[in-house]
């Protein structure tokens, strides 16, 4: 809120269930999914590692920002 924002938005890969569970427990809600997102993944080519671009599904999650008083009364940007 100190920066004029009312909510936090994050992206997480659909298959990352531990992260999704954590974010849900923190109050985040699913907003939309992008099944055409790209990610870089390491692959082994006979002992050499290279990066390969793969298609993943990113899930957008958001939650409202609440503030609590902080140092010098200027507010504290928090995810509480």
PDB file of N, CA and C in Angstrom:
ATOM      1  N   UNK A   1       0.820  -1.190   0.000  1.00  0.00           N
ATOM      2  CA  UNK A   1       0.000   0.000   0.000  1.00  0.00           C
ATOM      3  C   UNK A   1       0.859   1.247   0.000  1.00  0.00           C
ATOM      4  N   UNK A   2       2.002   1.156   0.637  1.00  0.00           N
ATOM      5  CA  UNK A   2       2.905   2.300   0.656  1.00  0.00           C
ATOM      6  C   UNK A   2       3.320   2.714  -0.739  1.00  0.00           C
ATOM      7  N   UNK A   3       3.230   1.809  -1.677  1.00  0.00           N
ATOM      8  CA  UNK A   3       3.557   2.100  -3.066  1.00  0.00           C
ATOM      9  C   UNK A   3       2.299   2.302  -3.892  1.00  0.00           C
ATOM     10  N   UNK A   4       1.146   2.399  -3.243  1.00  0.00           N
ATOM     11  CA  UNK A   4      -0.108   2.642  -3.939  1.00  0.00           C
ATOM     12  C   UNK A   4      -0.772   1.395  -4.492  1.00  0.00           C
ATOM     13  N   UNK A   5      -0.330   0.236  -4.070  1.00  0.00           N
ATOM     14  CA  UNK A   5      -0.895  -1.018  -4.573  1.00  0.00           C
ATOM     15  C   UNK A   5      -1.881  -1.595  -3.566  1.00  0.00           C
ATOM     16  N   UNK A   6      -2.896  -2.272  -4.050  1.00  0.00           N
ATOM     17  CA  UNK A   6      -3.916  -2.859  -3.195  1.00  0.00           C
ATOM     18  C   UNK A   6      -3.793  -4.375  -3.059  1.00  0.00           C
ATOM     19  N   UNK A   7      -3.006  -5.021  -3.946  1.00  0.00           N
ATOM     20  CA  UNK A   7      -2.894  -6.473  -3.910  1.00  0.00           C
ATOM     21  C   UNK A   7      -1.534  -6.929  -4.408  1.00  0.00           C
ATOM     22  N   UNK A   8      -1.178  -8.155  -4.032  1.00  0.00           N
ATOM     23  CA  UNK A   8       0.039  -8.815  -4.505  1.00  0.00           C
ATOM     24  C   UNK A   8      -0.345  -9.864  -5.528  1.00  0.00           C
ATOM     25  N   UNK A   9       0.449  -9.992  -6.572  1.00  0.00           N
ATOM     26  CA  UNK A   9       0.218 -10.988  -7.620  1.00  0.00           C
ATOM     27  C   UNK A   9       1.506 -11.771  -7.795  1.00  0.00           C
ATOM     28  N   UNK A  10       1.394 -13.093  -7.908  1.00  0.00           N
ATOM     29  CA  UNK A  10       2.568 -13.920  -8.160  1.00  0.00           C
ATOM     30  C   UNK A  10       2.227 -14.988  -9.187  1.00  0.00           C
ATOM     31  N   UNK A  11       3.268 -15.539  -9.783  1.00  0.00           N
ATOM     32  CA  UNK A  11       3.124 -16.641 -10.738  1.00  0.00           C
ATOM     33  C   UNK A  11       3.833 -17.861 -10.173  1.00  0.00           C
ATOM     34  N   UNK A  12       3.210 -19.016 -10.333  1.00  0.00           N
ATOM     35  CA  UNK A  12       3.801 -20.272  -9.881  1.00  0.00           C
ATOM     36  C   UNK A  12       3.468 -21.338 -10.928  1.00  0.00           C
ATOM     37  N   UNK A  13       4.425 -22.245 -11.170  1.00  0.00           N
ATOM     38  CA  UNK A  13       4.150 -23.311 -12.127  1.00  0.00           C
ATOM     39  C   UNK A  13       3.099 -24.262 -11.566  1.00  0.00           C
ATOM     40  N   UNK A  14       2.187 -24.667 -12.421  1.00  0.00           N
ATOM     41  CA  UNK A  14       1.050 -25.492 -12.029  1.00  0.00           C
ATOM     42  C   UNK A  14       1.460 -26.765 -11.276  1.00  0.00           C
ATOM     43  N   UNK A  15       2.545 -27.382 -11.640  1.00  0.00           N
ATOM     44  CA  UNK A  15       2.962 -28.631 -11.008  1.00  0.00           C
ATOM     45  C   UNK A  15       3.672 -28.460  -9.676  1.00  0.00           C
ATOM     46  N   UNK A  16       3.886 -27.231  -9.231  1.00  0.00           N
ATOM     47  CA  UNK A  16       4.591 -26.980  -7.979  1.00  0.00           C
ATOM     48  C   UNK A  16       3.589 -26.955  -6.827  1.00  0.00           C
ATOM     49  N   UNK A  17       3.050 -28.132  -6.508  1.00  0.00           N
ATOM     50  CA  UNK A  17       1.994 -28.244  -5.498  1.00  0.00           C
ATOM     51  C   UNK A  17       2.395 -27.739  -4.111  1.00  0.00           C
ATOM     52  N   UNK A  18       3.636 -28.005  -3.640  1.00  0.00           N
ATOM     53  CA  UNK A  18       3.994 -27.463  -2.312  1.00  0.00           C
ATOM     54  C   UNK A  18       3.901 -25.935  -2.273  1.00  0.00           C
ATOM     55  N   UNK A  19       4.353 -25.262  -3.331  1.00  0.00           N
ATOM     56  CA  UNK A  19       4.280 -23.795  -3.366  1.00  0.00           C
ATOM     57  C   UNK A  19       2.834 -23.327  -3.441  1.00  0.00           C
ATOM     58  N   UNK A  20       2.025 -23.970  -4.271  1.00  0.00           N
ATOM     59  CA  UNK A  20       0.620 -23.585  -4.392  1.00  0.00           C
ATOM     60  C   UNK A  20      -0.092 -23.751  -3.052  1.00  0.00           C
ATOM     61  N   UNK A  21       0.188 -24.841  -2.360  1.00  0.00           N
ATOM     62  CA  UNK A  21      -0.431 -25.068  -1.043  1.00  0.00           C
ATOM     63  C   UNK A  21       0.001 -23.981  -0.062  1.00  0.00           C
ATOM     64  N   UNK A  22       1.280 -23.647  -0.056  1.00  0.00           N
ATOM     65  CA  UNK A  22       1.787 -22.595   0.821  1.00  0.00           C
ATOM     66  C   UNK A  22       1.083 -21.265   0.542  1.00  0.00           C
ATOM     67  N   UNK A  23       1.009 -20.889  -0.743  1.00  0.00           N
ATOM     68  CA  UNK A  23       0.392 -19.609  -1.106  1.00  0.00           C
ATOM     69  C   UNK A  23      -1.094 -19.595  -0.746  1.00  0.00           C
ATOM     70  N   UNK A  24      -1.785 -20.705  -0.951  1.00  0.00           N
ATOM     71  CA  UNK A  24      -3.206 -20.765  -0.559  1.00  0.00           C
ATOM     72  C   UNK A  24      -3.348 -20.579   0.949  1.00  0.00           C
ATOM     73  N   UNK A  25      -2.464 -21.214   1.711  1.00  0.00           N
ATOM     74  CA  UNK A  25      -2.500 -21.060   3.170  1.00  0.00           C
ATOM     75  C   UNK A  25      -2.202 -19.628   3.597  1.00  0.00           C
ATOM     76  N   UNK A  26      -1.496 -18.881   2.748  1.00  0.00           N
ATOM     77  CA  UNK A  26      -1.189 -17.485   3.036  1.00  0.00           C
ATOM     78  C   UNK A  26      -2.289 -16.541   2.544  1.00  0.00           C
ATOM     79  N   UNK A  27      -3.349 -17.109   1.964  1.00  0.00           N
ATOM     80  CA  UNK A  27      -4.479 -16.277   1.548  1.00  0.00           C
ATOM     81  C   UNK A  27      -4.545 -15.946   0.072  1.00  0.00           C
ATOM     82  N   UNK A  28      -3.638 -16.494  -0.730  1.00  0.00           N
ATOM     83  CA  UNK A  28      -3.675 -16.239  -2.172  1.00  0.00           C
ATOM     84  C   UNK A  28      -4.786 -17.050  -2.824  1.00  0.00           C
ATOM     85  N   UNK A  29      -5.393 -16.486  -3.851  1.00  0.00           N
ATOM     86  CA  UNK A  29      -6.451 -17.148  -4.627  1.00  0.00           C
ATOM     87  C   UNK A  29      -6.014 -17.208  -6.093  1.00  0.00           C
ATOM     88  N   UNK A  30      -6.389 -18.298  -6.778  1.00  0.00           N
ATOM     89  CA  UNK A  30      -6.102 -18.414  -8.213  1.00  0.00           C
ATOM     90  C   UNK A  30      -6.878 -17.355  -8.978  1.00  0.00           C
ATOM     91  N   UNK A  31      -6.211 -16.725  -9.951  1.00  0.00           N
ATOM     92  CA  UNK A  31      -6.839 -15.693 -10.764  1.00  0.00           C
ATOM     93  C   UNK A  31      -6.984 -16.176 -12.210  1.00  0.00           C
ATOM     94  N   UNK A  32      -5.904 -16.672 -12.783  1.00  0.00           N
ATOM     95  CA  UNK A  32      -5.917 -17.183 -14.145  1.00  0.00           C
ATOM     96  C   UNK A  32      -4.715 -18.102 -14.333  1.00  0.00           C
ATOM     97  N   UNK A  33      -4.711 -18.820 -15.447  1.00  0.00           N
ATOM     98  CA  UNK A  33      -3.596 -19.702 -15.788  1.00  0.00           C
ATOM     99  C   UNK A  33      -3.169 -19.439 -17.223  1.00  0.00           C
ATOM    100  N   UNK A  34      -1.885 -19.557 -17.475  1.00  0.00           N
ATOM    101  CA  UNK A  34      -1.329 -19.390 -18.820  1.00  0.00           C
ATOM    102  C   UNK A  34      -0.670 -20.706 -19.230  1.00  0.00           C
ATOM    103  N   UNK A  35      -1.365 -21.507 -20.063  1.00  0.00           N
ATOM    104  CA  UNK A  35      -0.801 -22.801 -20.474  1.00  0.00           C
ATOM    105  C   UNK A  35       0.270 -22.685 -21.558  1.00  0.00           C
ATOM    106  N   UNK A  36       0.604 -21.467 -21.972  1.00  0.00           N
ATOM    107  CA  UNK A  36       1.598 -21.283 -23.031  1.00  0.00           C
ATOM    108  C   UNK A  36       2.872 -20.625 -22.517  1.00  0.00           C
ATOM    109  N   UNK A  37       3.053 -20.562 -21.191  1.00  0.00           N
ATOM    110  CA  UNK A  37       4.242 -19.929 -20.620  1.00  0.00           C
ATOM    111  C   UNK A  37       5.492 -20.752 -20.958  1.00  0.00           C
ATOM    112  N   UNK A  38       6.622 -20.096 -20.982  1.00  0.00           N
ATOM    113  CA  UNK A  38       7.894 -20.748 -21.281  1.00  0.00           C
ATOM    114  C   UNK A  38       8.791 -20.731 -20.047  1.00  0.00           C
ATOM    115  N   UNK A  39       9.585 -21.782 -19.899  1.00  0.00           N
ATOM    116  CA  UNK A  39      10.564 -21.882 -18.814  1.00  0.00           C
ATOM    117  C   UNK A  39      11.823 -22.541 -19.360  1.00  0.00           C
ATOM    118  N   UNK A  40      12.936 -22.246 -18.736  1.00  0.00           N
ATOM    119  CA  UNK A  40      14.204 -22.883 -19.107  1.00  0.00           C
ATOM    120  C   UNK A  40      14.479 -24.019 -18.144  1.00  0.00           C
ATOM    121  N   UNK A  41      14.819 -25.176 -18.708  1.00  0.00           N
ATOM    122  CA  UNK A  41      15.109 -26.360 -17.904  1.00  0.00           C
ATOM    123  C   UNK A  41      16.488 -26.888 -18.299  1.00  0.00           C
ATOM    124  N   UNK A  42      17.301 -27.281 -17.301  1.00  0.00           N
ATOM    125  CA  UNK A  42      18.602 -27.866 -17.644  1.00  0.00           C
ATOM    126  C   UNK A  42      18.435 -29.285 -18.187  1.00  0.00           C
ATOM    127  N   UNK A  43      19.211 -29.611 -19.204  1.00  0.00           N
ATOM    128  CA  UNK A  43      19.216 -30.959 -19.775  1.00  0.00           C
ATOM    129  C   UNK A  43      20.664 -31.414 -19.935  1.00  0.00           C
ATOM    130  N   UNK A  44      20.868 -32.709 -19.848  1.00  0.00           N
ATOM    131  CA  UNK A  44      22.205 -33.278 -19.955  1.00  0.00           C
ATOM    132  C   UNK A  44      22.433 -33.785 -21.374  1.00  0.00           C
ATOM    133  N   UNK A  45      23.512 -33.312 -21.986  1.00  0.00           N
ATOM    134  CA  UNK A  45      23.901 -33.781 -23.317  1.00  0.00           C
ATOM    135  C   UNK A  45      25.245 -34.483 -23.207  1.00  0.00           C
ATOM    136  N   UNK A  46      25.212 -35.751 -22.789  1.00  0.00           N
ATOM    137  CA  UNK A  46      26.441 -36.537 -22.701  1.00  0.00           C
ATOM    138  C   UNK A  46      27.478 -35.945 -21.775  1.00  0.00           C
ATOM    139  N   UNK A  47      27.067 -35.505 -20.609  1.00  0.00           N
ATOM    140  CA  UNK A  47      28.000 -34.937 -19.640  1.00  0.00           C
ATOM    141  C   UNK A  47      28.055 -33.426 -19.655  1.00  0.00           C
ATOM    142  N   UNK A  48      27.501 -32.818 -20.673  1.00  0.00           N
ATOM    143  CA  UNK A  48      27.436 -31.361 -20.739  1.00  0.00           C
ATOM    144  C   UNK A  48      26.012 -30.920 -20.430  1.00  0.00           C
ATOM    145  N   UNK A  49      25.893 -29.853 -19.672  1.00  0.00           N
ATOM    146  CA  UNK A  49      24.573 -29.342 -19.324  1.00  0.00           C
ATOM    147  C   UNK A  49      24.238 -28.155 -20.213  1.00  0.00           C
ATOM    148  N   UNK A  50      23.028 -28.150 -20.715  1.00  0.00           N
ATOM    149  CA  UNK A  50      22.541 -27.038 -21.536  1.00  0.00           C
ATOM    150  C   UNK A  50      21.144 -26.683 -21.058  1.00  0.00           C
ATOM    151  N   UNK A  51      20.653 -25.559 -21.511  1.00  0.00           N
ATOM    152  CA  UNK A  51      19.303 -25.130 -21.152  1.00  0.00           C
ATOM    153  C   UNK A  51      18.383 -25.343 -22.348  1.00  0.00           C
ATOM    154  N   UNK A  52      17.191 -25.830 -22.052  1.00  0.00           N
ATOM    155  CA  UNK A  52      16.190 -26.076 -23.080  1.00  0.00           C
ATOM    156  C   UNK A  52      14.922 -25.326 -22.687  1.00  0.00           C
ATOM    157  N   UNK A  53      14.291 -24.670 -23.655  1.00  0.00           N
ATOM    158  CA  UNK A  53      13.035 -23.973 -23.396  1.00  0.00           C
ATOM    159  C   UNK A  53      11.884 -24.958 -23.522  1.00  0.00           C
ATOM    160  N   UNK A  54      11.021 -24.975 -22.490  1.00  0.00           N
ATOM    161  CA  UNK A  54       9.876 -25.878 -22.471  1.00  0.00           C
ATOM    162  C   UNK A  54       8.615 -25.067 -22.199  1.00  0.00           C
ATOM    163  N   UNK A  55       7.474 -25.608 -22.584  1.00  0.00           N
ATOM    164  CA  UNK A  55       6.190 -24.977 -22.305  1.00  0.00           C
ATOM    165  C   UNK A  55       5.675 -25.478 -20.969  1.00  0.00           C
ATOM    166  N   UNK A  56       5.232 -24.557 -20.122  1.00  0.00           N
ATOM    167  CA  UNK A  56       4.680 -24.892 -18.806  1.00  0.00           C
ATOM    168  C   UNK A  56       3.371 -24.121 -18.629  1.00  0.00           C
ATOM    169  N   UNK A  57       2.616 -24.477 -17.617  1.00  0.00           N
ATOM    170  CA  UNK A  57       1.428 -23.706 -17.259  1.00  0.00           C
ATOM    171  C   UNK A  57       1.746 -22.906 -16.008  1.00  0.00           C
ATOM    172  N   UNK A  58       1.687 -21.577 -16.121  1.00  0.00           N
ATOM    173  CA  UNK A  58       1.846 -20.707 -14.965  1.00  0.00           C
ATOM    174  C   UNK A  58       0.479 -20.354 -14.418  1.00  0.00           C
ATOM    175  N   UNK A  59       0.349 -20.410 -13.109  1.00  0.00           N
ATOM    176  CA  UNK A  59      -0.887 -20.026 -12.432  1.00  0.00           C
ATOM    177  C   UNK A  59      -0.635 -18.690 -11.732  1.00  0.00           C
ATOM    178  N   UNK A  60      -1.496 -17.716 -11.986  1.00  0.00           N
ATOM    179  CA  UNK A  60      -1.417 -16.421 -11.305  1.00  0.00           C
ATOM    180  C   UNK A  60      -2.274 -16.495 -10.053  1.00  0.00           C
ATOM    181  N   UNK A  61      -1.701 -16.036  -8.942  1.00  0.00           N
ATOM    182  CA  UNK A  61      -2.417 -16.020  -7.663  1.00  0.00           C
ATOM    183  C   UNK A  61      -2.283 -14.623  -7.080  1.00  0.00           C
ATOM    184  N   UNK A  62      -3.336 -14.163  -6.390  1.00  0.00           N
ATOM    185  CA  UNK A  62      -3.255 -12.836  -5.788  1.00  0.00           C
ATOM    186  C   UNK A  62      -3.918 -12.815  -4.427  1.00  0.00           C
ATOM    187  N   UNK A  63      -3.565 -11.776  -3.662  1.00  0.00           N
ATOM    188  CA  UNK A  63      -4.192 -11.550  -2.364  1.00  0.00           C
ATOM    189  C   UNK A  63      -4.121 -10.061  -2.051  1.00  0.00           C
ATOM    190  N   UNK A  64      -5.057  -9.578  -1.248  1.00  0.00           N
ATOM    191  CA  UNK A  64      -5.021  -8.168  -0.869  1.00  0.00           C
ATOM    192  C   UNK A  64      -3.833  -7.880   0.046  1.00  0.00           C
ATOM    193  N   UNK A  65      -3.333  -6.664  -0.028  1.00  0.00           N
ATOM    194  CA  UNK A  65      -2.254  -6.223   0.847  1.00  0.00           C
ATOM    195  C   UNK A  65      -2.875  -5.553   2.069  1.00  0.00           C
ATOM    196  N   UNK A  66      -2.411  -5.964   3.218  1.00  0.00           N
ATOM    197  CA  UNK A  66      -2.776  -5.278   4.459  1.00  0.00           C
ATOM    198  C   UNK A  66      -1.498  -4.685   5.029  1.00  0.00           C
ATOM    199  N   UNK A  67      -1.588  -3.534   5.625  1.00  0.00           N
ATOM    200  CA  UNK A  67      -0.411  -2.892   6.202  1.00  0.00           C
ATOM    201  C   UNK A  67      -0.515  -2.883   7.708  1.00  0.00           C
ATOM    202  N   UNK A  68       0.626  -2.773   8.343  1.00  0.00           N
ATOM    203  CA  UNK A  68       0.647  -2.598   9.787  1.00  0.00           C
ATOM    204  C   UNK A  68       1.692  -1.543  10.103  1.00  0.00           C
ATOM    205  N   UNK A  69       1.516  -0.807  11.179  1.00  0.00           N
ATOM    206  CA  UNK A  69       2.460   0.270  11.510  1.00  0.00           C
ATOM    207  C   UNK A  69       3.883  -0.254  11.599  1.00  0.00           C
ATOM    208  N   UNK A  70       4.819   0.579  11.179  1.00  0.00           N
ATOM    209  CA  UNK A  70       6.218   0.186  11.204  1.00  0.00           C
ATOM    210  C   UNK A  70       7.095   1.302  11.739  1.00  0.00           C
ATOM    211  N   UNK A  71       8.335   1.278  11.370  1.00  0.00           N
ATOM    212  CA  UNK A  71       9.296   2.260  11.843  1.00  0.00           C
ATOM    213  C   UNK A  71       8.892   3.675  11.456  1.00  0.00           C
ATOM    214  N   UNK A  72       9.032   4.578  12.378  1.00  0.00           N
ATOM    215  CA  UNK A  72       8.776   6.001  12.151  1.00  0.00           C
ATOM    216  C   UNK A  72       7.370   6.287  11.651  1.00  0.00           C
ATOM    217  N   UNK A  73       6.439   5.381  11.890  1.00  0.00           N
ATOM    218  CA  UNK A  73       5.065   5.609  11.482  1.00  0.00           C
ATOM    219  C   UNK A  73       4.861   5.631   9.984  1.00  0.00           C
ATOM    220  N   UNK A  74       5.840   5.157   9.219  1.00  0.00           N
ATOM    221  CA  UNK A  74       5.757   5.217   7.758  1.00  0.00           C
ATOM    222  C   UNK A  74       5.044   4.002   7.188  1.00  0.00           C
ATOM    223  N   UNK A  75       4.701   3.045   8.030  1.00  0.00           N
ATOM    224  CA  UNK A  75       4.026   1.846   7.538  1.00  0.00           C
ATOM    225  C   UNK A  75       5.009   0.761   7.171  1.00  0.00           C
ATOM    226  N   UNK A  76       4.531  -0.445   7.168  1.00  0.00           N
ATOM    227  CA  UNK A  76       5.348  -1.597   6.847  1.00  0.00           C
ATOM    228  C   UNK A  76       4.651  -2.374   5.753  1.00  0.00           C
ATOM    229  N   UNK A  77       5.328  -2.602   4.656  1.00  0.00           N
ATOM    230  CA  UNK A  77       4.772  -3.364   3.555  1.00  0.00           C
ATOM    231  C   UNK A  77       4.849  -4.819   3.951  1.00  0.00           C
ATOM    232  N   UNK A  78       3.700  -5.444   4.193  1.00  0.00           N
ATOM    233  CA  UNK A  78       3.734  -6.821   4.671  1.00  0.00           C
ATOM    234  C   UNK A  78       2.763  -7.729   3.966  1.00  0.00           C
ATOM    235  N   UNK A  79       2.948  -9.011   4.166  1.00  0.00           N
ATOM    236  CA  UNK A  79       2.056 -10.015   3.599  1.00  0.00           C
ATOM    237  C   UNK A  79       1.396 -10.760   4.739  1.00  0.00           C
ATOM    238  N   UNK A  80       0.770 -10.020   5.609  1.00  0.00           N
ATOM    239  CA  UNK A  80       0.155 -10.583   6.807  1.00  0.00           C
ATOM    240  C   UNK A  80      -1.329 -10.728   6.628  1.00  0.00           C
TER     241      UNK A  80
END
